[in-house]
N, C-alpha and C. Protein backbone atom coordinates (compact mmCIF):
# COMPACT_ATOMS: atom_id res chain seq x y z
N MET A 1 0.85 -1.18 0.00
CA MET A 1 0.00 0.00 0.00
C MET A 1 0.89 1.24 0.00
N PRO A 2 0.65 2.16 -0.92
CA PRO A 2 1.52 3.34 -0.99
C PRO A 2 1.32 4.26 0.22
N LYS A 3 2.40 4.87 0.61
CA LYS A 3 2.35 5.80 1.73
C LYS A 3 2.13 7.22 1.21
N ILE A 4 1.37 8.01 1.97
CA ILE A 4 1.12 9.40 1.59
C ILE A 4 2.07 10.27 2.40
N GLY A 5 2.88 11.04 1.69
CA GLY A 5 3.84 11.92 2.34
C GLY A 5 3.24 13.30 2.59
N GLY A 6 4.04 14.18 3.11
CA GLY A 6 3.59 15.53 3.44
C GLY A 6 3.15 16.33 2.23
N THR A 7 3.91 16.23 1.15
CA THR A 7 3.59 16.98 -0.07
C THR A 7 2.26 16.51 -0.66
N GLU A 8 2.07 15.20 -0.72
CA GLU A 8 0.83 14.67 -1.26
C GLU A 8 -0.37 15.09 -0.42
N LEU A 9 -0.20 15.07 0.89
CA LEU A 9 -1.27 15.47 1.80
C LEU A 9 -1.66 16.94 1.59
N ILE A 10 -0.68 17.79 1.42
CA ILE A 10 -0.94 19.22 1.19
C ILE A 10 -1.68 19.41 -0.13
N VAL A 11 -1.27 18.69 -1.18
CA VAL A 11 -1.94 18.80 -2.48
C VAL A 11 -3.39 18.35 -2.35
N ILE A 12 -3.64 17.25 -1.66
CA ILE A 12 -5.01 16.76 -1.47
C ILE A 12 -5.85 17.79 -0.72
N LEU A 13 -5.31 18.37 0.33
CA LEU A 13 -6.05 19.37 1.10
C LEU A 13 -6.36 20.62 0.28
N VAL A 14 -5.42 21.06 -0.56
CA VAL A 14 -5.66 22.22 -1.41
C VAL A 14 -6.75 21.93 -2.43
N VAL A 15 -6.74 20.74 -3.01
CA VAL A 15 -7.77 20.37 -3.97
C VAL A 15 -9.15 20.33 -3.29
N ILE A 16 -9.21 19.77 -2.10
CA ILE A 16 -10.47 19.73 -1.36
C ILE A 16 -10.95 21.15 -1.05
N LEU A 17 -10.04 22.02 -0.67
CA LEU A 17 -10.40 23.41 -0.38
C LEU A 17 -10.93 24.10 -1.63
N LEU A 18 -10.32 23.86 -2.77
CA LEU A 18 -10.78 24.47 -4.02
C LEU A 18 -12.15 23.94 -4.45
N ILE A 19 -12.39 22.66 -4.23
CA ILE A 19 -13.65 22.06 -4.66
C ILE A 19 -14.80 22.50 -3.75
N PHE A 20 -14.63 22.41 -2.45
CA PHE A 20 -15.73 22.65 -1.52
C PHE A 20 -15.78 24.06 -0.95
N GLY A 21 -14.68 24.74 -0.92
CA GLY A 21 -14.65 26.09 -0.37
C GLY A 21 -14.48 26.06 1.14
N PRO A 22 -14.05 27.18 1.70
CA PRO A 22 -13.75 27.22 3.13
C PRO A 22 -15.00 27.11 4.02
N SER A 23 -16.17 27.45 3.51
CA SER A 23 -17.36 27.41 4.36
C SER A 23 -17.85 25.98 4.60
N LYS A 24 -17.56 25.07 3.69
CA LYS A 24 -18.01 23.68 3.83
C LYS A 24 -17.01 22.78 4.56
N LEU A 25 -15.78 23.22 4.73
CA LEU A 25 -14.76 22.37 5.34
C LEU A 25 -15.11 21.91 6.75
N PRO A 26 -15.64 22.78 7.63
CA PRO A 26 -16.00 22.29 8.97
C PRO A 26 -17.07 21.19 8.94
N GLU A 27 -18.04 21.33 8.05
CA GLU A 27 -19.08 20.31 7.93
C GLU A 27 -18.50 18.99 7.44
N ILE A 28 -17.61 19.07 6.46
CA ILE A 28 -16.98 17.87 5.92
C ILE A 28 -16.14 17.19 7.00
N GLY A 29 -15.38 17.97 7.74
CA GLY A 29 -14.56 17.42 8.82
C GLY A 29 -15.40 16.75 9.90
N LYS A 30 -16.51 17.37 10.24
CA LYS A 30 -17.40 16.82 11.25
C LYS A 30 -17.99 15.49 10.77
N SER A 31 -18.44 15.45 9.53
CA SER A 31 -19.01 14.23 8.96
C SER A 31 -17.96 13.12 8.89
N PHE A 32 -16.76 13.49 8.50
CA PHE A 32 -15.68 12.50 8.41
C PHE A 32 -15.35 11.94 9.79
N GLY A 33 -15.31 12.81 10.79
CA GLY A 33 -15.05 12.36 12.16
C GLY A 33 -16.12 11.42 12.68
N LYS A 34 -17.37 11.74 12.39
CA LYS A 34 -18.47 10.86 12.81
C LYS A 34 -18.38 9.50 12.13
N SER A 35 -18.02 9.51 10.85
CA SER A 35 -17.89 8.26 10.11
C SER A 35 -16.80 7.38 10.70
N ILE A 36 -15.67 7.97 11.03
CA ILE A 36 -14.57 7.20 11.62
C ILE A 36 -14.98 6.66 12.98
N LYS A 37 -15.68 7.47 13.77
CA LYS A 37 -16.14 7.03 15.10
C LYS A 37 -17.08 5.83 14.98
N GLU A 38 -18.03 5.89 14.03
CA GLU A 38 -18.96 4.79 13.83
C GLU A 38 -18.24 3.53 13.35
N PHE A 39 -17.27 3.70 12.46
CA PHE A 39 -16.50 2.56 11.97
C PHE A 39 -15.74 1.89 13.09
N ARG A 40 -15.09 2.67 13.94
CA ARG A 40 -14.35 2.10 15.08
C ARG A 40 -15.28 1.39 16.03
N LYS A 41 -16.45 1.97 16.28
CA LYS A 41 -17.42 1.35 17.18
C LYS A 41 -17.90 0.02 16.62
N ALA A 42 -18.19 -0.01 15.32
CA ALA A 42 -18.66 -1.25 14.69
C ALA A 42 -17.57 -2.32 14.71
N SER A 43 -16.33 -1.95 14.44
CA SER A 43 -15.25 -2.94 14.44
C SER A 43 -15.00 -3.45 15.86
N LYS A 44 -15.14 -2.59 16.86
CA LYS A 44 -14.98 -3.03 18.25
C LYS A 44 -16.10 -3.99 18.62
N ASP A 45 -17.32 -3.70 18.20
CA ASP A 45 -18.44 -4.59 18.48
C ASP A 45 -18.23 -5.96 17.84
N ILE A 46 -17.71 -5.97 16.62
CA ILE A 46 -17.44 -7.25 15.95
C ILE A 46 -16.35 -8.02 16.69
N GLN A 47 -15.29 -7.33 17.09
CA GLN A 47 -14.22 -8.00 17.82
C GLN A 47 -14.73 -8.56 19.14
N ASP A 48 -15.57 -7.80 19.83
CA ASP A 48 -16.13 -8.26 21.10
C ASP A 48 -17.02 -9.49 20.90
N SER A 49 -17.81 -9.49 19.85
CA SER A 49 -18.68 -10.64 19.60
C SER A 49 -17.87 -11.89 19.24
N ILE A 50 -16.79 -11.71 18.50
CA ILE A 50 -15.92 -12.86 18.16
C ILE A 50 -15.25 -13.38 19.42
N THR A 51 -14.79 -12.49 20.27
CA THR A 51 -14.15 -12.90 21.52
C THR A 51 -15.14 -13.64 22.42
N ASP A 52 -16.38 -13.16 22.48
CA ASP A 52 -17.39 -13.82 23.30
C ASP A 52 -17.72 -15.22 22.76
N GLU A 53 -17.74 -15.38 21.45
CA GLU A 53 -18.03 -16.69 20.86
C GLU A 53 -16.92 -17.68 21.11
N GLU A 54 -15.68 -17.21 21.17
CA GLU A 54 -14.55 -18.11 21.41
C GLU A 54 -14.55 -18.61 22.84
N ASN A 55 -15.04 -17.82 23.77
CA ASN A 55 -15.03 -18.23 25.19
C ASN A 55 -16.26 -18.96 25.50
């Protein structure tokens, strides 16, 4: 899997800023954060259920 360096990250952020504009960035960040939180919660629930089945 390729690694993303500092330069690539800056280019991606600039492109996102140009596409969505500065007023939408907080909303996008909030939505992205919620998505990551839900994904982590779901993966933890799956791990817990697998652990419970093994015992």
